[in-house]
């Protein structure tokens, strides 16, 4: 479905302060999947960064907040040109979060997952691509025995640290460097012992911390599928969009242009 189609939108899909202002073609439609909260700094930053993209980079998007329970419904993401699974886990609906990831992955819709979005991107891939149907997220299921997403040895809430970027990766191309300094606000990450299975099925770990733990993953065969445990939306003072967010918005515009041709 084109971004210009009249897809049904529930009242809870309230648009952000960024609206279509592009001359010519309609602006791409972005789904911000998560439970919007003024108490979550990343959510406040996301809206501000979209405004900054419009003002600084002339990248204008129509952004809609979609609570994870709404994302469970078939067709909930029809007509969107990009999906951002935002921080704020545990989500109200794990299945809604996973459906958002799967929809973007299978339909080649640009996808960005940050913090909890990174964790659930791995979970969706493990279950639906690797066949690890029983793996769990320890925050969602504390008593589960088969966990992919586990508590970090040291919480990264409020932490800033270096991330080493794999040569030749999408992340390196977008960042223009093989090392970056990023901010976190999380206590859960991937169990390193489980990642070889995901790698064997095509997922690429393209960013690691100094201990070698996964911080960025991407799908090389997908037009734009990137997930980070760190939160690029927290970089700087919020007036200059992080290169990954800028590239994500550009990918949304490319998707919108392609589906309207």
C-alpha atoms as a PDB file:
ATOM      1  CA  UNK A   1       0.000   0.000   0.000  1.00  0.00           C
ATOM      2  CA  UNK A   2       1.292   3.434  -0.873  1.00  0.00           C
ATOM      3  CA  UNK A   3       2.060   5.999   1.776  1.00  0.00           C
ATOM      4  CA  UNK A   4      -0.636   8.104   0.153  1.00  0.00           C
ATOM      5  CA  UNK A   5      -3.315   5.435   0.610  1.00  0.00           C
ATOM      6  CA  UNK A   6      -6.128   5.993   3.050  1.00  0.00           C
ATOM      7  CA  UNK A   7      -5.123   3.228   5.451  1.00  0.00           C
ATOM      8  CA  UNK A   8      -7.399   3.067   8.500  1.00  0.00           C
ATOM      9  CA  UNK A   9      -5.799   4.819  11.432  1.00  0.00           C
ATOM     10  CA  UNK A  10      -7.145   4.400  14.948  1.00  0.00           C
ATOM     11  CA  UNK A  11      -7.473   7.422  17.255  1.00  0.00           C
ATOM     12  CA  UNK A  12      -4.481   6.183  19.243  1.00  0.00           C
ATOM     13  CA  UNK A  13      -2.283   6.653  16.173  1.00  0.00           C
ATOM     14  CA  UNK A  14      -1.816  10.312  17.043  1.00  0.00           C
ATOM     15  CA  UNK A  15       0.550  12.103  14.655  1.00  0.00           C
ATOM     16  CA  UNK A  16       3.632  13.757  16.072  1.00  0.00           C
ATOM     17  CA  UNK A  17       4.308  17.453  15.737  1.00  0.00           C
ATOM     18  CA  UNK A  18       6.050  16.767  12.426  1.00  0.00           C
ATOM     19  CA  UNK A  19       3.616  16.896   9.522  1.00  0.00           C
ATOM     20  CA  UNK A  20       3.940  16.686   5.783  1.00  0.00           C
ATOM     21  CA  UNK A  21       5.482  19.872   4.476  1.00  0.00           C
ATOM     22  CA  UNK A  22       7.388  18.650   1.458  1.00  0.00           C
ATOM     23  CA  UNK A  23       6.671  20.264  -1.858  1.00  0.00           C
ATOM     24  CA  UNK A  24       5.510  17.731  -4.446  1.00  0.00           C
ATOM     25  CA  UNK A  25       5.261  14.156  -3.231  1.00  0.00           C
ATOM     26  CA  UNK A  26       3.679  13.474   0.168  1.00  0.00           C
ATOM     27  CA  UNK A  27       6.091  12.953   3.035  1.00  0.00           C
ATOM     28  CA  UNK A  28       6.940   9.374   3.982  1.00  0.00           C
ATOM     29  CA  UNK A  29       4.942   7.877   6.843  1.00  0.00           C
ATOM     30  CA  UNK A  30       6.877   6.681   9.875  1.00  0.00           C
ATOM     31  CA  UNK A  31       5.513   4.325  12.521  1.00  0.00           C
ATOM     32  CA  UNK A  32       6.957   4.991  15.981  1.00  0.00           C
ATOM     33  CA  UNK A  33       6.039   1.742  17.700  1.00  0.00           C
ATOM     34  CA  UNK A  34       5.928   1.852  21.485  1.00  0.00           C
ATOM     35  CA  UNK A  35       4.029   3.280  24.422  1.00  0.00           C
ATOM     36  CA  UNK A  36       4.584   7.022  24.103  1.00  0.00           C
ATOM     37  CA  UNK A  37       5.470   8.631  27.421  1.00  0.00           C
ATOM     38  CA  UNK A  38       6.656  12.140  28.311  1.00  0.00           C
ATOM     39  CA  UNK A  39       8.688  10.470  31.058  1.00  0.00           C
ATOM     40  CA  UNK A  40      10.837   8.564  28.557  1.00  0.00           C
ATOM     41  CA  UNK A  41      13.597  10.847  27.350  1.00  0.00           C
ATOM     42  CA  UNK A  42      14.040   8.921  24.110  1.00  0.00           C
ATOM     43  CA  UNK A  43      10.397   9.529  23.184  1.00  0.00           C
ATOM     44  CA  UNK A  44      10.687  13.261  23.748  1.00  0.00           C
ATOM     45  CA  UNK A  45      13.916  13.326  21.771  1.00  0.00           C
ATOM     46  CA  UNK A  46      12.440  11.363  18.870  1.00  0.00           C
ATOM     47  CA  UNK A  47       9.826  14.020  18.138  1.00  0.00           C
ATOM     48  CA  UNK A  48      12.386  16.808  18.501  1.00  0.00           C
ATOM     49  CA  UNK A  49      14.796  15.050  16.159  1.00  0.00           C
ATOM     50  CA  UNK A  50      12.148  14.665  13.486  1.00  0.00           C
ATOM     51  CA  UNK A  51      11.585  18.411  13.656  1.00  0.00           C
ATOM     52  CA  UNK A  52      15.348  18.953  13.406  1.00  0.00           C
ATOM     53  CA  UNK A  53      15.508  16.703  10.354  1.00  0.00           C
ATOM     54  CA  UNK A  54      12.867  18.822   8.654  1.00  0.00           C
ATOM     55  CA  UNK A  55      14.584  22.087   9.525  1.00  0.00           C
ATOM     56  CA  UNK A  56      18.236  21.115   8.995  1.00  0.00           C
ATOM     57  CA  UNK A  57      18.119  18.404   6.357  1.00  0.00           C
ATOM     58  CA  UNK A  58      14.792  19.034   4.605  1.00  0.00           C
ATOM     59  CA  UNK A  59      13.825  15.452   5.441  1.00  0.00           C
ATOM     60  CA  UNK A  60      10.161  15.733   6.348  1.00  0.00           C
ATOM     61  CA  UNK A  61       8.203  12.722   7.606  1.00  0.00           C
ATOM     62  CA  UNK A  62       4.702  12.126   8.914  1.00  0.00           C
ATOM     63  CA  UNK A  63       5.258  10.300  12.199  1.00  0.00           C
ATOM     64  CA  UNK A  64       2.577   8.324  14.015  1.00  0.00           C
ATOM     65  CA  UNK A  65       2.843   6.763  17.455  1.00  0.00           C
ATOM     66  CA  UNK A  66       1.495   3.218  17.483  1.00  0.00           C
ATOM     67  CA  UNK A  67       1.127   1.476  20.865  1.00  0.00           C
ATOM     68  CA  UNK A  68       2.366  -2.104  20.740  1.00  0.00           C
ATOM     69  CA  UNK A  69      -1.110  -3.626  21.367  1.00  0.00           C
ATOM     70  CA  UNK A  70      -2.329  -1.847  18.214  1.00  0.00           C
ATOM     71  CA  UNK A  71       0.679  -3.190  16.292  1.00  0.00           C
ATOM     72  CA  UNK A  72      -0.608  -6.734  16.838  1.00  0.00           C
ATOM     73  CA  UNK A  73      -3.482  -6.247  14.404  1.00  0.00           C
ATOM     74  CA  UNK A  74      -3.139  -7.534  10.826  1.00  0.00           C
ATOM     75  CA  UNK A  75      -2.442  -4.606   8.537  1.00  0.00           C
ATOM     76  CA  UNK A  76      -1.568  -2.267  11.413  1.00  0.00           C
ATOM     77  CA  UNK A  77       1.539  -1.086   9.570  1.00  0.00           C
ATOM     78  CA  UNK A  78       0.072  -0.998   6.074  1.00  0.00           C
ATOM     79  CA  UNK A  79       0.971   2.220   4.291  1.00  0.00           C
ATOM     80  CA  UNK A  80       4.024   3.029   6.390  1.00  0.00           C
ATOM     81  CA  UNK A  81       7.395   3.709   4.795  1.00  0.00           C
ATOM     82  CA  UNK A  82       9.505   3.033   7.883  1.00  0.00           C
ATOM     83  CA  UNK A  83       9.198   1.462  11.320  1.00  0.00           C
ATOM     84  CA  UNK A  84      11.077   2.608  14.419  1.00  0.00           C
ATOM     85  CA  UNK A  85      10.680   0.301  17.412  1.00  0.00           C
ATOM     86  CA  UNK A  86      11.504   2.823  20.107  1.00  0.00           C
ATOM     87  CA  UNK A  87      12.858   2.322  23.641  1.00  0.00           C
ATOM     88  CA  UNK A  88      10.506   1.818  26.554  1.00  0.00           C
ATOM     89  CA  UNK A  89      10.440  -1.905  27.266  1.00  0.00           C
ATOM     90  CA  UNK A  90       8.905  -3.936  28.673  1.00  0.00           C
ATOM     91  CA  UNK A  91       6.347  -3.131  26.009  1.00  0.00           C
ATOM     92  CA  UNK A  92       2.640  -3.475  26.714  1.00  0.00           C
ATOM     93  CA  UNK A  93       2.530  -6.174  24.023  1.00  0.00           C
ATOM     94  CA  UNK A  94       5.561  -8.285  23.220  1.00  0.00           C
ATOM     95  CA  UNK A  95       3.706  -9.814  20.273  1.00  0.00           C
ATOM     96  CA  UNK A  96       2.911  -6.351  18.910  1.00  0.00           C
ATOM     97  CA  UNK A  97       6.561  -5.334  19.101  1.00  0.00           C
ATOM     98  CA  UNK A  98       7.622  -8.553  17.383  1.00  0.00           C
ATOM     99  CA  UNK A  99       4.981  -8.125  14.692  1.00  0.00           C
ATOM    100  CA  UNK A 100       6.343  -4.662  13.932  1.00  0.00           C
ATOM    101  CA  UNK A 101       9.829  -6.106  13.447  1.00  0.00           C
ATOM    102  CA  UNK A 102       8.590  -8.994  11.339  1.00  0.00           C
ATOM    103  CA  UNK A 103       6.462  -6.774   9.111  1.00  0.00           C
ATOM    104  CA  UNK A 104       9.383  -4.460   8.375  1.00  0.00           C
ATOM    105  CA  UNK A 105      11.771  -7.357   7.830  1.00  0.00           C
ATOM    106  CA  UNK A 106       9.544  -9.376   5.525  1.00  0.00           C
ATOM    107  CA  UNK A 107       8.213  -6.418   3.516  1.00  0.00           C
ATOM    108  CA  UNK A 108      11.611  -4.714   3.092  1.00  0.00           C
ATOM    109  CA  UNK A 109      10.375  -1.633   4.947  1.00  0.00           C
ATOM    110  CA  UNK A 110      13.178   0.456   6.506  1.00  0.00           C
ATOM    111  CA  UNK A 111      13.532  -0.538  10.151  1.00  0.00           C
ATOM    112  CA  UNK A 112      15.317   1.004  13.112  1.00  0.00           C
ATOM    113  CA  UNK A 113      15.264  -0.569  16.560  1.00  0.00           C
ATOM    114  CA  UNK A 114      16.918   1.166  19.491  1.00  0.00           C
ATOM    115  CA  UNK A 115      17.469  -0.198  23.009  1.00  0.00           C
ATOM    116  CA  UNK A 116      14.352  -2.354  23.574  1.00  0.00           C
ATOM    117  CA  UNK A 117      13.872  -2.279  19.807  1.00  0.00           C
ATOM    118  CA  UNK A 118      17.292  -3.903  19.387  1.00  0.00           C
ATOM    119  CA  UNK A 119      16.426  -6.592  21.917  1.00  0.00           C
ATOM    120  CA  UNK A 120      13.114  -7.429  20.259  1.00  0.00           C
ATOM    121  CA  UNK A 121      14.624  -7.377  16.767  1.00  0.00           C
ATOM    122  CA  UNK A 122      16.951 -10.168  17.895  1.00  0.00           C
ATOM    123  CA  UNK A 123      14.093 -12.015  19.548  1.00  0.00           C
ATOM    124  CA  UNK A 124      11.932 -11.864  16.415  1.00  0.00           C
ATOM    125  CA  UNK A 125      14.781 -13.081  14.223  1.00  0.00           C
ATOM    126  CA  UNK A 126      15.617 -15.951  16.541  1.00  0.00           C
ATOM    127  CA  UNK A 127      12.026 -17.152  16.679  1.00  0.00           C
ATOM    128  CA  UNK A 128      10.863 -16.626  13.118  1.00  0.00           C
ATOM    129  CA  UNK A 129      14.029 -17.089  11.059  1.00  0.00           C
ATOM    130  CA  UNK A 130      16.238 -19.356  13.158  1.00  0.00           C
ATOM    131  CA  UNK A 131      13.455 -21.575  14.446  1.00  0.00           C
ATOM    132  CA  UNK A 132      14.244 -20.890  18.109  1.00  0.00           C
ATOM    133  CA  UNK A 133      10.559 -20.560  18.877  1.00  0.00           C
ATOM    134  CA  UNK A 134      10.926 -20.948  22.622  1.00  0.00           C
ATOM    135  CA  UNK A 135      13.565 -18.310  23.311  1.00  0.00           C
ATOM    136  CA  UNK A 136      12.496 -15.541  25.657  1.00  0.00           C
ATOM    137  CA  UNK A 137      13.324 -12.046  26.843  1.00  0.00           C
ATOM    138  CA  UNK A 138      14.255 -12.243  30.519  1.00  0.00           C
ATOM    139  CA  UNK A 139      12.622  -8.902  31.299  1.00  0.00           C
ATOM    140  CA  UNK A 140       9.329 -10.117  29.832  1.00  0.00           C
ATOM    141  CA  UNK A 141       9.603 -13.660  31.226  1.00  0.00           C
ATOM    142  CA  UNK A 142      11.868 -13.631  34.300  1.00  0.00           C
ATOM    143  CA  UNK A 143      11.303 -17.332  35.027  1.00  0.00           C
ATOM    144  CA  UNK A 144      12.019 -18.556  31.479  1.00  0.00           C
ATOM    145  CA  UNK A 145      14.778 -21.139  31.157  1.00  0.00           C
ATOM    146  CA  UNK A 146      15.588 -20.518  27.483  1.00  0.00           C
ATOM    147  CA  UNK A 147      16.559 -16.856  27.201  1.00  0.00           C
ATOM    148  CA  UNK A 148      18.129 -14.909  24.364  1.00  0.00           C
ATOM    149  CA  UNK A 149      17.888 -11.470  25.976  1.00  0.00           C
ATOM    150  CA  UNK A 150      19.437 -11.524  29.434  1.00  0.00           C
ATOM    151  CA  UNK A 151      20.345  -9.054  32.196  1.00  0.00           C
ATOM    152  CA  UNK A 152      23.645  -7.320  31.516  1.00  0.00           C
ATOM    153  CA  UNK A 153      26.476  -8.018  33.933  1.00  0.00           C
ATOM    154  CA  UNK A 154      26.645  -4.266  34.495  1.00  0.00           C
ATOM    155  CA  UNK A 155      23.680  -1.994  33.817  1.00  0.00           C
ATOM    156  CA  UNK A 156      24.220   0.524  31.028  1.00  0.00           C
ATOM    157  CA  UNK A 157      21.665   3.021  32.306  1.00  0.00           C
ATOM    158  CA  UNK A 158      23.264   6.437  31.895  1.00  0.00           C
ATOM    159  CA  UNK A 159      26.424   4.897  30.424  1.00  0.00           C
ATOM    160  CA  UNK A 160      28.417   6.232  27.494  1.00  0.00           C
ATOM    161  CA  UNK A 161      30.950   4.012  25.778  1.00  0.00           C
ATOM    162  CA  UNK A 162      32.820   3.245  22.567  1.00  0.00           C
ATOM    163  CA  UNK A 163      31.406   0.998  19.865  1.00  0.00           C
ATOM    164  CA  UNK A 164      33.693  -0.632  17.296  1.00  0.00           C
ATOM    165  CA  UNK A 165      32.168  -0.793  13.813  1.00  0.00           C
ATOM    166  CA  UNK A 166      32.733  -3.636  11.343  1.00  0.00           C
ATOM    167  CA  UNK A 167      34.446  -2.600   8.101  1.00  0.00           C
ATOM    168  CA  UNK A 168      32.194  -2.718   5.072  1.00  0.00           C
ATOM    169  CA  UNK A 169      28.995  -2.613   7.099  1.00  0.00           C
ATOM    170  CA  UNK A 170      26.008  -0.342   6.640  1.00  0.00           C
ATOM    171  CA  UNK A 171      26.823   1.156  10.029  1.00  0.00           C
ATOM    172  CA  UNK A 172      30.347   2.057   8.920  1.00  0.00           C
ATOM    173  CA  UNK A 173      29.062   3.618   5.723  1.00  0.00           C
ATOM    174  CA  UNK A 174      26.548   5.740   7.606  1.00  0.00           C
ATOM    175  CA  UNK A 175      28.858   6.739  10.454  1.00  0.00           C
ATOM    176  CA  UNK A 176      31.959   7.227   8.329  1.00  0.00           C
ATOM    177  CA  UNK A 177      34.140   5.723  11.049  1.00  0.00           C
ATOM    178  CA  UNK A 178      35.121   2.423  12.630  1.00  0.00           C
ATOM    179  CA  UNK A 179      34.624   3.624  16.191  1.00  0.00           C
ATOM    180  CA  UNK A 180      31.940   5.793  17.751  1.00  0.00           C
ATOM    181  CA  UNK A 181      30.974   6.931  21.245  1.00  0.00           C
ATOM    182  CA  UNK A 182      27.347   6.244  22.131  1.00  0.00           C
ATOM    183  CA  UNK A 183      24.868   6.608  24.996  1.00  0.00           C
ATOM    184  CA  UNK A 184      22.829   3.848  26.615  1.00  0.00           C
ATOM    185  CA  UNK A 185      19.870   3.479  28.931  1.00  0.00           C
ATOM    186  CA  UNK A 186      19.359  -0.256  29.323  1.00  0.00           C
ATOM    187  CA  UNK A 187      19.906  -3.243  31.571  1.00  0.00           C
ATOM    188  CA  UNK A 188      19.381  -6.103  29.088  1.00  0.00           C
ATOM    189  CA  UNK A 189      21.300  -7.367  26.080  1.00  0.00           C
ATOM    190  CA  UNK A 190      21.893 -10.417  23.920  1.00  0.00           C
ATOM    191  CA  UNK A 191      23.393 -13.580  25.385  1.00  0.00           C
ATOM    192  CA  UNK A 192      26.692 -13.791  23.437  1.00  0.00           C
ATOM    193  CA  UNK A 193      26.522 -17.583  23.435  1.00  0.00           C
ATOM    194  CA  UNK A 194      23.312 -17.520  21.375  1.00  0.00           C
ATOM    195  CA  UNK A 195      24.381 -15.159  18.602  1.00  0.00           C
ATOM    196  CA  UNK A 196      26.241 -17.668  16.419  1.00  0.00           C
ATOM    197  CA  UNK A 197      22.917 -19.230  15.449  1.00  0.00           C
ATOM    198  CA  UNK A 198      21.549 -15.850  14.371  1.00  0.00           C
ATOM    199  CA  UNK A 199      24.730 -15.140  12.413  1.00  0.00           C
ATOM    200  CA  UNK A 200      24.432 -18.497  10.649  1.00  0.00           C
ATOM    201  CA  UNK A 201      20.999 -17.427   9.439  1.00  0.00           C
ATOM    202  CA  UNK A 202      22.156 -14.116   7.970  1.00  0.00           C
ATOM    203  CA  UNK A 203      22.078 -11.575  10.790  1.00  0.00           C
ATOM    204  CA  UNK A 204      25.295  -9.583  11.008  1.00  0.00           C
ATOM    205  CA  UNK A 205      26.705  -8.120  14.209  1.00  0.00           C
ATOM    206  CA  UNK A 206      28.369  -4.932  12.993  1.00  0.00           C
ATOM    207  CA  UNK A 207      28.983  -3.055  16.228  1.00  0.00           C
ATOM    208  CA  UNK A 208      30.543  -4.312  19.454  1.00  0.00           C
ATOM    209  CA  UNK A 209      31.688  -2.850  22.737  1.00  0.00           C
ATOM    210  CA  UNK A 210      35.210  -3.255  24.093  1.00  0.00           C
ATOM    211  CA  UNK A 211      34.321  -6.699  25.449  1.00  0.00           C
ATOM    212  CA  UNK A 212      33.060  -7.816  22.042  1.00  0.00           C
ATOM    213  CA  UNK A 213      29.382  -7.815  22.993  1.00  0.00           C
ATOM    214  CA  UNK A 214      26.810  -6.973  20.308  1.00  0.00           C
ATOM    215  CA  UNK A 215      25.772  -3.344  20.089  1.00  0.00           C
ATOM    216  CA  UNK A 216      24.656  -3.052  16.443  1.00  0.00           C
ATOM    217  CA  UNK A 217      23.062  -5.650  14.181  1.00  0.00           C
ATOM    218  CA  UNK A 218      21.915  -5.403  10.589  1.00  0.00           C
ATOM    219  CA  UNK A 219      20.567  -7.499   7.721  1.00  0.00           C
ATOM    220  CA  UNK A 220      22.803  -7.111   4.646  1.00  0.00           C
ATOM    221  CA  UNK A 221      20.086  -8.319   2.241  1.00  0.00           C
ATOM    222  CA  UNK A 222      17.513  -5.810   3.513  1.00  0.00           C
ATOM    223  CA  UNK A 223      17.326  -2.245   2.115  1.00  0.00           C
ATOM    224  CA  UNK A 224      17.662  -0.781   5.640  1.00  0.00           C
ATOM    225  CA  UNK A 225      17.423  -2.963   8.737  1.00  0.00           C
ATOM    226  CA  UNK A 226      19.484  -1.666  11.638  1.00  0.00           C
ATOM    227  CA  UNK A 227      19.175  -2.120  15.385  1.00  0.00           C
ATOM    228  CA  UNK A 228      21.316  -0.662  18.159  1.00  0.00           C
ATOM    229  CA  UNK A 229      21.447  -1.400  21.867  1.00  0.00           C
ATOM    230  CA  UNK A 230      22.557   2.197  22.382  1.00  0.00           C
ATOM    231  CA  UNK A 231      20.179   5.085  21.793  1.00  0.00           C
ATOM    232  CA  UNK A 232      21.306   7.337  18.926  1.00  0.00           C
ATOM    233  CA  UNK A 233      18.366   9.615  19.718  1.00  0.00           C
ATOM    234  CA  UNK A 234      20.184  10.639  22.922  1.00  0.00           C
ATOM    235  CA  UNK A 235      23.292  11.883  21.120  1.00  0.00           C
ATOM    236  CA  UNK A 236      24.197  15.524  21.607  1.00  0.00           C
ATOM    237  CA  UNK A 237      21.619  18.103  22.633  1.00  0.00           C
ATOM    238  CA  UNK A 238      18.885  16.951  20.269  1.00  0.00           C
ATOM    239  CA  UNK A 239      19.368  19.651  17.647  1.00  0.00           C
ATOM    240  CA  UNK A 240      21.608  17.594  15.344  1.00  0.00           C
ATOM    241  CA  UNK A 241      20.155  14.226  14.348  1.00  0.00           C
ATOM    242  CA  UNK A 242      22.522  11.283  14.731  1.00  0.00           C
ATOM    243  CA  UNK A 243      23.793   9.992  11.340  1.00  0.00           C
ATOM    244  CA  UNK A 244      21.886   6.723  11.810  1.00  0.00           C
ATOM    245  CA  UNK A 245      18.610   8.559  12.345  1.00  0.00           C
ATOM    246  CA  UNK A 246      19.247  10.858   9.406  1.00  0.00           C
ATOM    247  CA  UNK A 247      19.970   7.863   7.174  1.00  0.00           C
ATOM    248  CA  UNK A 248      16.855   6.094   8.447  1.00  0.00           C
ATOM    249  CA  UNK A 249      14.692   9.080   7.508  1.00  0.00           C
ATOM    250  CA  UNK A 250      16.318   9.184   4.076  1.00  0.00           C
ATOM    251  CA  UNK A 251      15.576   5.466   3.642  1.00  0.00           C
ATOM    252  CA  UNK A 252      11.929   6.156   4.503  1.00  0.00           C
ATOM    253  CA  UNK A 253      11.831   8.830   1.804  1.00  0.00           C
ATOM    254  CA  UNK A 254      13.367   6.419  -0.701  1.00  0.00           C
ATOM    255  CA  UNK A 255      10.761   3.791   0.173  1.00  0.00           C
ATOM    256  CA  UNK A 256       7.928   6.287  -0.252  1.00  0.00           C
ATOM    257  CA  UNK A 257       9.279   7.374  -3.627  1.00  0.00           C
ATOM    258  CA  UNK A 258       9.591   3.761  -4.789  1.00  0.00           C
ATOM    259  CA  UNK A 259       6.045   2.744  -3.874  1.00  0.00           C
ATOM    260  CA  UNK A 260       4.502   5.793  -5.535  1.00  0.00           C
ATOM    261  CA  UNK A 261       6.332   5.382  -8.848  1.00  0.00           C
END
